[in-house]
Amino acid sequence: MNFRRENIGDYYLRDTHLENIFINEYMPNADGVFVKVYIFALMYAGHDTRMTNEVIAKQLGIDILDVLKAWDYWEKQGVIRKHASGRDKFDFAVEFFSLKERVYSKSGKARKDGTAKPLDHKDLMENDDIKNMYSEIEQITGRFFEGTEPQEILSWITDYGVTPEYILKAYGYCVNKRNNSKARYVSSVIREWIGQGLKTVDQIEDHLEETDNRHFMYRRVLKALGLFRHPTEEEKRIMDTWFDEMGFTIDTVLEACKKTSGISNPNINYINSVLRGWKSGDRTKTGQERPAKAAAINAAIRSYDEIRAKNERETERRHAEVYQRIPRVKQIDEEIRNTGLAISRLMLSGASNIEAETARIRKRIDSLNEEKAYLLTENNYRPDFLEPIYECRLCKDTGMLESGERCACFASKLTNS
């Protein structure tokens, strides 16, 4: 018996299958030109049609070198392989891999052609450090993982060479300082840190301490000019000269900003001219004022660190107290953590019933939380007794609001310093 499919003569009227894994995992971080090359060539590969790099460049209106760079990039990402023809290094065939099979294949062994899978995520999932990292991330974000987030986190370890401690620092920074726990945002922060040469948690902490004060001053200046946006790189450079080269304090700069009240378009360049005039006329108000102000800001930031540390200790004490009095609560917390990891493993499994199974697991978690609240109230504890403690719930004791502005409590700390 033979089967025949209707033949559509013009392949432009046919469809090209683009895997969702490519769209979600590979496309967001890739150069747009590289994506165009991949999809365009994939269309011809689906119809077994010969296509040269020169023709691809002409059809897409790009340089031939960009096409060659695209194939180098995709080969490093593990989504294609170049097969040399033997004539020269620029003449090769391209083999497109099945990304679904490479990521979710049941076998962890090397392929017959001698290549290994690009990411051995399932083995990493069994690592105790990774399990603990997942659990802590869920505590930091206050939510369960979304979609392919567990797999994306593992790719940071294999692609960027970062440690679980590094990733936890990134999540903590994004949640506490930027009020954003999305994996894509965290990934962008990690890439930025790596690009700045920050390879360890200690280096990150030193960098954040140095930049936090400066970010605060940038926003104060722009706000004084009536500009409610982030500064451009050139504006940052100019403002840095005020503080680093001229030695002005933030109060002196804000006084200069008042000089814009009579102009229609206040801007950084105008303030720069005012400050340079003051500098040349020795009207600097420097001396003890600048270090005193910087010391006050540093003291305020240290105060937040101390508050968070104190509240974390109190939270740990409360957990120890409740676990001793009500052992079942400890069992519930452990089961909730393990159930959260079960959702992560389910996302990586590629099972056909992911949605239904996830709903079942989440229902179990809701039931456990209800039992936990009941046990707490029955033993004269508030239902939120084990929740994180904050003196200021607006900024969660970080001094920074979601908008990037300083919280009102920061000003009071500066006054008291």
Protein backbone atom coordinates (compact mmCIF):
# COMPACT_ATOMS: atom_id res chain seq x y z
CA MET A 1 0.00 0.00 0.00
CA ASN A 2 1.34 3.43 -0.89
CA PHE A 3 0.54 6.77 0.67
CA ARG A 4 0.77 10.02 -1.20
CA ARG A 5 0.55 13.60 -0.04
CA GLU A 6 -0.74 16.37 -2.28
CA ASN A 7 2.23 18.08 -3.91
CA ILE A 8 2.33 21.86 -3.68
CA GLY A 9 4.56 22.99 -6.47
CA ASP A 10 5.63 26.36 -5.03
CA TYR A 11 7.49 25.82 -1.74
CA TYR A 12 6.77 29.42 -0.77
CA LEU A 13 3.21 28.21 -0.11
CA ARG A 14 4.36 25.46 2.24
CA ASP A 15 5.15 25.67 5.97
CA THR A 16 8.45 25.60 7.84
CA HIS A 17 8.50 23.89 11.24
CA LEU A 18 10.31 26.00 13.85
CA GLU A 19 10.70 24.29 17.21
CA ASN A 20 9.44 26.11 20.30
CA ILE A 21 12.70 25.26 22.06
CA PHE A 22 14.53 27.40 19.50
CA ILE A 23 12.10 30.29 20.03
CA ASN A 24 12.25 30.16 23.84
CA GLU A 25 15.81 29.07 24.57
CA TYR A 26 18.01 30.15 21.66
CA MET A 27 16.36 33.03 19.84
CA PRO A 28 16.14 35.62 22.70
CA ASN A 29 19.92 35.85 23.17
CA ALA A 30 20.90 35.61 19.50
CA ASP A 31 21.70 38.44 17.09
CA GLY A 32 18.71 39.23 14.88
CA VAL A 33 20.73 38.69 11.69
CA PHE A 34 21.78 35.24 12.90
CA VAL A 35 18.13 34.35 13.55
CA LYS A 36 17.21 35.45 10.01
CA VAL A 37 19.93 33.26 8.52
CA TYR A 38 18.85 30.25 10.59
CA ILE A 39 15.15 30.47 9.71
CA PHE A 40 15.74 31.28 6.04
CA ALA A 41 18.10 28.32 5.56
CA LEU A 42 15.78 26.08 7.59
CA MET A 43 13.05 26.75 5.04
CA TYR A 44 15.24 25.42 2.22
CA ALA A 45 16.48 22.49 4.34
CA GLY A 46 12.90 21.37 4.82
CA HIS A 47 12.56 20.93 1.05
CA ASP A 48 16.05 19.51 0.47
CA THR A 49 16.91 22.46 -1.77
CA ARG A 50 20.53 23.48 -2.36
CA MET A 51 21.35 26.98 -1.20
CA THR A 52 24.74 28.75 -1.05
CA ASN A 53 25.86 31.27 1.52
CA GLU A 54 26.23 33.84 -1.26
CA VAL A 55 22.58 33.42 -2.25
CA ILE A 56 21.45 33.60 1.38
CA ALA A 57 23.35 36.87 1.80
CA LYS A 58 21.81 38.29 -1.37
CA GLN A 59 18.27 37.20 -0.50
CA LEU A 60 18.47 38.64 3.02
CA GLY A 61 20.32 41.78 1.97
CA ILE A 62 23.25 41.18 4.32
CA ASP A 63 27.00 40.72 4.00
CA ILE A 64 28.38 37.24 3.26
CA LEU A 65 30.56 37.55 6.38
CA ASP A 66 27.43 37.89 8.52
CA VAL A 67 26.15 34.61 7.09
CA LEU A 68 29.41 32.86 7.94
CA LYS A 69 29.40 34.36 11.44
CA ALA A 70 25.84 33.13 11.89
CA TRP A 71 26.81 29.52 11.11
CA ASP A 72 29.79 29.75 13.49
CA TYR A 73 27.47 31.05 16.20
CA TRP A 74 24.77 28.40 15.75
CA GLU A 75 27.36 25.63 15.66
CA LYS A 76 28.77 26.83 19.00
CA GLN A 77 25.22 26.85 20.38
CA GLY A 78 24.87 23.20 19.37
CA VAL A 79 21.87 23.61 17.07
CA ILE A 80 23.62 22.88 13.74
CA ARG A 81 26.79 21.25 12.44
CA LYS A 82 28.88 22.33 9.47
CA HIS A 83 30.14 19.59 7.14
CA ALA A 84 33.15 20.70 5.08
CA SER A 85 33.13 19.85 1.37
CA GLY A 86 36.92 19.60 1.14
CA ARG A 87 37.29 22.46 -1.36
CA ASP A 88 37.74 25.38 1.09
CA LYS A 89 36.66 26.33 4.60
CA PHE A 90 33.85 28.55 3.34
CA ASP A 91 32.17 25.79 1.32
CA PHE A 92 30.21 23.50 3.64
CA ALA A 93 26.85 21.85 4.16
CA VAL A 94 24.74 22.64 7.21
CA GLU A 95 22.97 19.96 9.23
CA PHE A 96 20.06 21.16 11.38
CA PHE A 97 19.65 19.24 14.66
CA SER A 98 16.34 18.30 16.26
CA LEU A 99 16.48 20.47 19.38
CA LYS A 100 13.68 18.59 21.12
CA GLU A 101 15.52 15.29 20.77
CA ARG A 102 18.84 16.79 21.89
CA VAL A 103 17.41 18.40 25.03
CA TYR A 104 14.80 15.88 26.10
CA SER A 105 16.24 12.60 24.85
CA LYS A 106 15.92 9.85 27.46
CA SER A 107 19.46 8.67 26.87
CA GLY A 108 22.34 10.51 28.51
CA LYS A 109 24.97 8.81 26.36
CA ALA A 110 26.98 10.30 23.54
CA ARG A 111 25.60 10.08 20.04
CA LYS A 112 26.74 7.61 17.45
CA ASP A 113 28.51 10.40 15.64
CA GLY A 114 30.60 11.02 18.74
CA THR A 115 29.00 14.28 19.87
CA ALA A 116 27.51 14.79 23.30
CA LYS A 117 24.37 16.69 24.15
CA PRO A 118 24.92 20.41 24.50
CA LEU A 119 23.61 20.48 28.07
CA ASP A 120 23.43 17.56 30.48
CA HIS A 121 20.74 19.22 32.57
CA LYS A 122 19.18 16.08 33.98
CA ASP A 123 22.42 15.03 35.66
CA LEU A 124 22.73 18.50 37.15
CA MET A 125 19.20 18.21 38.54
CA GLU A 126 20.39 15.34 40.75
CA ASN A 127 23.19 17.47 42.25
CA ASP A 128 22.46 18.43 45.87
CA ASP A 129 23.85 21.96 45.40
CA ILE A 130 21.47 22.49 42.46
CA LYS A 131 18.51 21.17 44.45
CA ASN A 132 19.31 23.52 47.32
CA MET A 133 19.74 26.38 44.85
CA TYR A 134 16.29 25.77 43.36
CA SER A 135 14.74 25.67 46.82
CA GLU A 136 16.41 28.95 47.83
CA ILE A 137 15.43 30.66 44.58
CA GLU A 138 11.78 29.81 45.23
CA GLN A 139 12.12 31.26 48.72
CA ILE A 140 13.75 34.43 47.37
CA THR A 141 11.14 34.97 44.64
CA GLY A 142 8.17 33.76 46.69
CA ARG A 143 6.85 31.76 43.74
CA PHE A 144 7.29 28.48 41.88
CA PHE A 145 9.30 28.21 38.69
CA GLU A 146 7.65 29.21 35.43
CA GLY A 147 7.86 27.29 32.14
CA THR A 148 11.45 26.46 31.19
CA GLU A 149 12.97 28.55 34.01
CA PRO A 150 14.72 25.56 35.71
CA GLN A 151 16.38 24.60 32.44
CA GLU A 152 17.37 28.20 31.73
CA ILE A 153 19.01 28.46 35.16
CA LEU A 154 21.05 25.33 34.45
CA SER A 155 22.16 26.79 31.14
CA TRP A 156 23.71 29.75 33.01
CA ILE A 157 25.91 27.28 34.89
CA THR A 158 27.01 25.44 31.76
CA ASP A 159 27.20 28.43 29.38
CA TYR A 160 28.58 31.15 31.67
CA GLY A 161 30.47 28.98 34.16
CA VAL A 162 28.80 30.61 37.17
CA THR A 163 28.15 28.90 40.50
CA PRO A 164 24.83 28.32 42.30
CA GLU A 165 25.96 30.94 44.84
CA TYR A 166 26.46 33.42 41.98
CA ILE A 167 22.95 32.73 40.66
CA LEU A 168 21.42 33.12 44.13
CA LYS A 169 23.16 36.50 44.42
CA ALA A 170 21.68 37.55 41.07
CA TYR A 171 18.14 36.52 42.06
CA GLY A 172 18.48 38.26 45.42
CA TYR A 173 19.68 41.44 43.74
CA CYS A 174 16.91 41.43 41.12
CA VAL A 175 14.17 40.76 43.68
CA ASN A 176 15.37 43.09 46.44
CA LYS A 177 16.85 45.92 44.37
CA ARG A 178 14.86 45.81 41.14
CA ASN A 179 11.65 44.06 42.25
CA ASN A 180 11.86 41.75 39.23
CA SER A 181 12.21 37.98 39.57
CA LYS A 182 11.72 37.01 35.92
CA ALA A 183 14.38 34.58 34.67
CA ARG A 184 15.03 36.62 31.54
CA TYR A 185 15.74 39.73 33.62
CA VAL A 186 18.03 37.78 35.96
CA SER A 187 19.84 36.37 32.93
CA SER A 188 20.46 39.87 31.57
CA VAL A 189 21.91 40.95 34.91
CA ILE A 190 24.24 37.93 34.99
CA ARG A 191 25.44 38.65 31.45
CA GLU A 192 26.06 42.29 32.39
CA TRP A 193 28.07 41.29 35.47
CA ILE A 194 30.15 38.82 33.47
CA GLY A 195 30.75 41.47 30.81
CA GLN A 196 32.07 43.77 33.56
CA GLY A 197 34.52 41.08 34.68
CA LEU A 198 32.65 40.24 37.90
CA LYS A 199 33.40 36.53 38.35
CA THR A 200 32.82 36.03 42.07
CA VAL A 201 30.17 36.98 44.62
CA ASP A 202 32.72 39.11 46.51
CA GLN A 203 33.45 41.09 43.34
CA ILE A 204 29.72 41.59 42.78
CA GLU A 205 29.21 42.88 46.33
CA ASP A 206 32.08 45.35 46.01
CA HIS A 207 30.70 46.54 42.66
CA LEU A 208 27.15 46.99 44.00
CA GLU A 209 28.34 48.93 47.04
CA GLU A 210 30.28 51.28 44.77
CA THR A 211 27.49 51.82 42.21
CA ASP A 212 24.51 52.00 44.58
CA ASN A 213 25.47 55.42 45.98
CA ARG A 214 26.19 56.74 42.49
CA HIS A 215 22.87 55.50 41.09
CA PHE A 216 21.07 57.34 43.88
CA MET A 217 22.86 60.59 42.99
CA TYR A 218 22.07 60.20 39.28
CA ARG A 219 18.37 59.90 40.00
CA ARG A 220 18.40 62.85 42.41
CA VAL A 221 19.93 65.10 39.76
CA LEU A 222 17.51 64.06 37.01
CA LYS A 223 14.56 64.45 39.33
CA ALA A 224 15.74 67.97 40.26
CA LEU A 225 15.69 68.77 36.53
CA GLY A 226 12.17 67.39 36.18
CA LEU A 227 13.40 64.34 34.23
CA PHE A 228 11.83 61.07 35.39
CA ARG A 229 13.91 58.56 33.44
CA HIS A 230 17.20 56.70 33.61
CA PRO A 231 20.32 58.69 32.68
CA THR A 232 22.09 58.06 29.38
CA GLU A 233 25.68 56.83 29.36
CA GLU A 234 26.92 60.29 28.34
CA GLU A 235 24.95 61.92 31.17
CA LYS A 236 26.48 59.44 33.62
CA ARG A 237 29.95 60.27 32.34
CA ILE A 238 29.38 64.00 32.80
CA MET A 239 27.90 63.59 36.29
CA ASP A 240 30.81 61.33 37.29
CA THR A 241 33.20 64.22 36.58
CA TRP A 242 31.27 66.42 39.03
CA PHE A 243 31.75 63.97 41.88
CA ASP A 244 35.09 62.35 41.01
CA GLU A 245 37.12 65.11 39.31
CA MET A 246 35.59 68.34 40.62
CA GLY A 247 34.83 66.96 44.09
CA PHE A 248 31.31 68.41 44.40
CA THR A 249 28.78 66.98 46.86
CA ILE A 250 25.26 66.00 45.83
CA ASP A 251 23.90 69.00 47.75
CA THR A 252 26.11 71.39 45.78
CA VAL A 253 25.02 69.79 42.49
CA LEU A 254 21.36 70.09 43.50
CA GLU A 255 21.95 73.75 44.29
CA ALA A 256 23.29 74.15 40.75
CA CYS A 257 20.15 72.48 39.43
CA LYS A 258 18.11 75.32 40.92
CA LYS A 259 19.81 77.64 38.43
CA THR A 260 17.70 76.00 35.67
CA SER A 261 14.46 77.49 36.98
CA GLY A 262 14.67 80.31 34.47
CA ILE A 263 15.39 78.26 31.33
CA SER A 264 12.89 76.39 29.15
CA ASN A 265 14.91 73.22 28.59
CA PRO A 266 16.96 72.25 31.68
CA ASN A 267 19.63 69.66 30.91
CA ILE A 268 22.84 68.09 32.17
CA ASN A 269 25.06 70.18 29.89
CA TYR A 270 23.70 73.39 31.37
CA ILE A 271 24.39 72.15 34.92
CA ASN A 272 27.85 71.13 33.78
CA SER A 273 28.62 74.65 32.62
CA VAL A 274 27.37 76.07 35.94
CA LEU A 275 29.51 73.69 37.99
CA ARG A 276 32.61 74.30 35.87
CA GLY A 277 32.15 78.02 36.46
CA TRP A 278 31.85 77.43 40.19
CA LYS A 279 34.95 75.22 40.13
CA SER A 280 37.04 77.83 38.37
CA GLY A 281 35.81 80.44 40.86
CA ASP A 282 36.63 78.13 43.82
CA ARG A 283 32.96 77.98 44.85
CA THR A 284 33.07 74.26 45.60
CA LYS A 285 31.79 73.73 49.12
CA THR A 286 34.04 70.75 49.38
CA GLY A 287 36.37 69.90 52.28
CA GLN A 288 34.60 68.01 55.05
CA GLU A 289 31.14 68.25 53.47
CA ARG A 290 31.67 65.61 50.76
CA PRO A 291 33.07 62.80 52.94
CA ALA A 292 30.45 63.54 55.62
CA LYS A 293 27.61 63.14 53.11
CA ALA A 294 29.12 59.99 51.62
CA ALA A 295 29.56 58.58 55.12
CA ALA A 296 25.87 59.26 55.88
CA ILE A 297 24.77 57.39 52.74
CA ASN A 298 27.05 54.47 53.53
CA ALA A 299 25.74 54.40 57.10
CA ALA A 300 22.15 54.28 55.79
CA ILE A 301 22.95 51.40 53.45
CA ARG A 302 24.71 49.50 56.25
CA SER A 303 21.65 50.10 58.42
CA TYR A 304 19.46 48.32 55.86
CA ASP A 305 21.91 45.41 55.79
CA GLU A 306 21.77 45.18 59.58
CA ILE A 307 17.96 45.33 59.60
CA ARG A 308 17.68 42.52 57.05
CA ALA A 309 20.22 40.40 58.94
CA LYS A 310 18.38 40.96 62.24
CA ASN A 311 15.02 40.08 60.69
CA GLU A 312 16.44 36.99 59.03
CA ARG A 313 17.75 35.81 62.39
CA GLU A 314 14.35 36.44 63.96
CA THR A 315 12.65 34.51 61.17
CA GLU A 316 15.04 31.59 61.73
CA ARG A 317 14.34 31.72 65.47
CA ARG A 318 10.59 31.63 64.83
CA HIS A 319 10.98 28.63 62.54
CA ALA A 320 13.04 26.80 65.17
CA GLU A 321 10.42 27.56 67.84
CA VAL A 322 7.47 26.44 65.75
CA TYR A 323 9.24 23.34 64.45
CA GLN A 324 9.96 22.27 68.02
CA ARG A 325 6.40 22.87 69.23
CA ILE A 326 4.63 21.65 66.07
CA PRO A 327 6.81 19.11 64.21
CA ARG A 328 4.11 18.69 61.57
CA VAL A 329 4.76 22.26 60.34
CA LYS A 330 8.38 21.36 59.59
CA GLN A 331 7.19 18.29 57.67
CA ILE A 332 4.77 20.48 55.69
CA ASP A 333 7.53 23.01 54.79
CA GLU A 334 9.84 20.21 53.64
CA GLU A 335 7.08 18.64 51.57
CA ILE A 336 6.27 22.00 49.95
CA ARG A 337 9.95 22.47 49.01
CA ASN A 338 10.17 18.95 47.58
CA THR A 339 6.91 19.44 45.72
CA GLY A 340 8.27 22.63 44.18
CA LEU A 341 11.30 20.68 42.93
CA ALA A 342 8.93 18.06 41.53
CA ILE A 343 7.37 20.78 39.35
CA SER A 344 10.85 21.75 38.13
CA ARG A 345 11.69 18.16 37.20
CA LEU A 346 8.34 17.83 35.48
CA MET A 347 9.09 20.87 33.32
CA LEU A 348 12.36 19.26 32.23
CA SER A 349 10.86 15.84 31.56
CA GLY A 350 8.96 16.76 28.40
CA ALA A 351 6.02 14.63 29.55
CA SER A 352 2.76 14.93 27.65
CA ASN A 353 0.66 15.53 30.78
CA ILE A 354 2.70 18.43 32.20
CA GLU A 355 -0.25 20.83 32.54
CA ALA A 356 -2.54 18.38 34.33
CA GLU A 357 0.22 17.07 36.59
CA THR A 358 1.34 20.61 37.48
CA ALA A 359 -2.23 21.54 38.41
CA ARG A 360 -2.42 18.45 40.65
CA ILE A 361 0.85 19.35 42.39
CA ARG A 362 -0.19 22.96 42.93
CA LYS A 363 -3.48 21.79 44.43
CA ARG A 364 -1.49 19.65 46.86
CA ILE A 365 0.63 22.66 47.83
CA ASP A 366 -2.48 24.77 48.48
CA SER A 367 -3.80 22.00 50.73
CA LEU A 368 -0.52 21.88 52.65
CA ASN A 369 -0.53 25.66 53.15
CA GLU A 370 -4.08 25.53 54.48
CA GLU A 371 -3.10 22.79 56.95
CA LYS A 372 -0.06 24.83 58.03
CA ALA A 373 -2.20 27.96 58.66
CA TYR A 374 -4.66 25.90 60.69
CA LEU A 375 -1.91 24.40 62.87
CA LEU A 376 -0.39 27.83 63.53
CA THR A 377 -3.66 29.46 64.58
CA GLU A 378 -4.61 26.44 66.71
CA ASN A 379 -1.36 26.94 68.63
CA ASN A 380 -1.89 30.69 69.11
CA TYR A 381 0.40 31.83 66.29
CA ARG A 382 -0.59 34.29 63.57
CA PRO A 383 -0.94 32.66 60.11
CA ASP A 384 1.93 34.88 58.86
CA PHE A 385 4.19 34.17 61.87
CA LEU A 386 6.75 32.35 59.68
CA GLU A 387 6.68 34.85 56.80
CA PRO A 388 9.67 37.19 56.13
CA ILE A 389 9.80 40.21 58.44
CA TYR A 390 10.16 43.77 57.09
CA GLU A 391 10.31 47.11 58.88
CA CYS A 392 9.33 48.80 55.61
CA ARG A 393 7.12 46.72 53.34
CA LEU A 394 7.29 49.29 50.54
CA CYS A 395 10.97 48.64 49.83
CA LYS A 396 11.39 45.40 51.85
CA ASP A 397 14.20 47.05 53.81
CA THR A 398 16.34 47.78 50.76
CA GLY A 399 15.76 51.55 50.51
CA MET A 400 14.84 51.17 46.83
CA LEU A 401 11.32 51.20 45.35
CA GLU A 402 10.24 49.35 42.21
CA SER A 403 10.45 52.60 40.24
CA GLY A 404 14.16 52.89 41.01
CA GLU A 405 13.55 55.83 43.38
CA ARG A 406 14.75 55.85 46.95
CA CYS A 407 12.08 54.90 49.48
CA ALA A 408 10.87 57.60 51.90
CA CYS A 409 12.45 55.65 54.74
CA PHE A 410 15.90 56.27 53.22
CA ALA A 411 15.61 60.03 53.75
CA SER A 412 14.78 59.49 57.42
CA LYS A 413 17.85 57.29 57.82
CA LEU A 414 20.05 60.00 56.28
CA THR A 415 18.58 62.55 58.72
CA ASN A 416 19.29 60.29 61.67
CA SER A 417 22.86 59.50 60.54
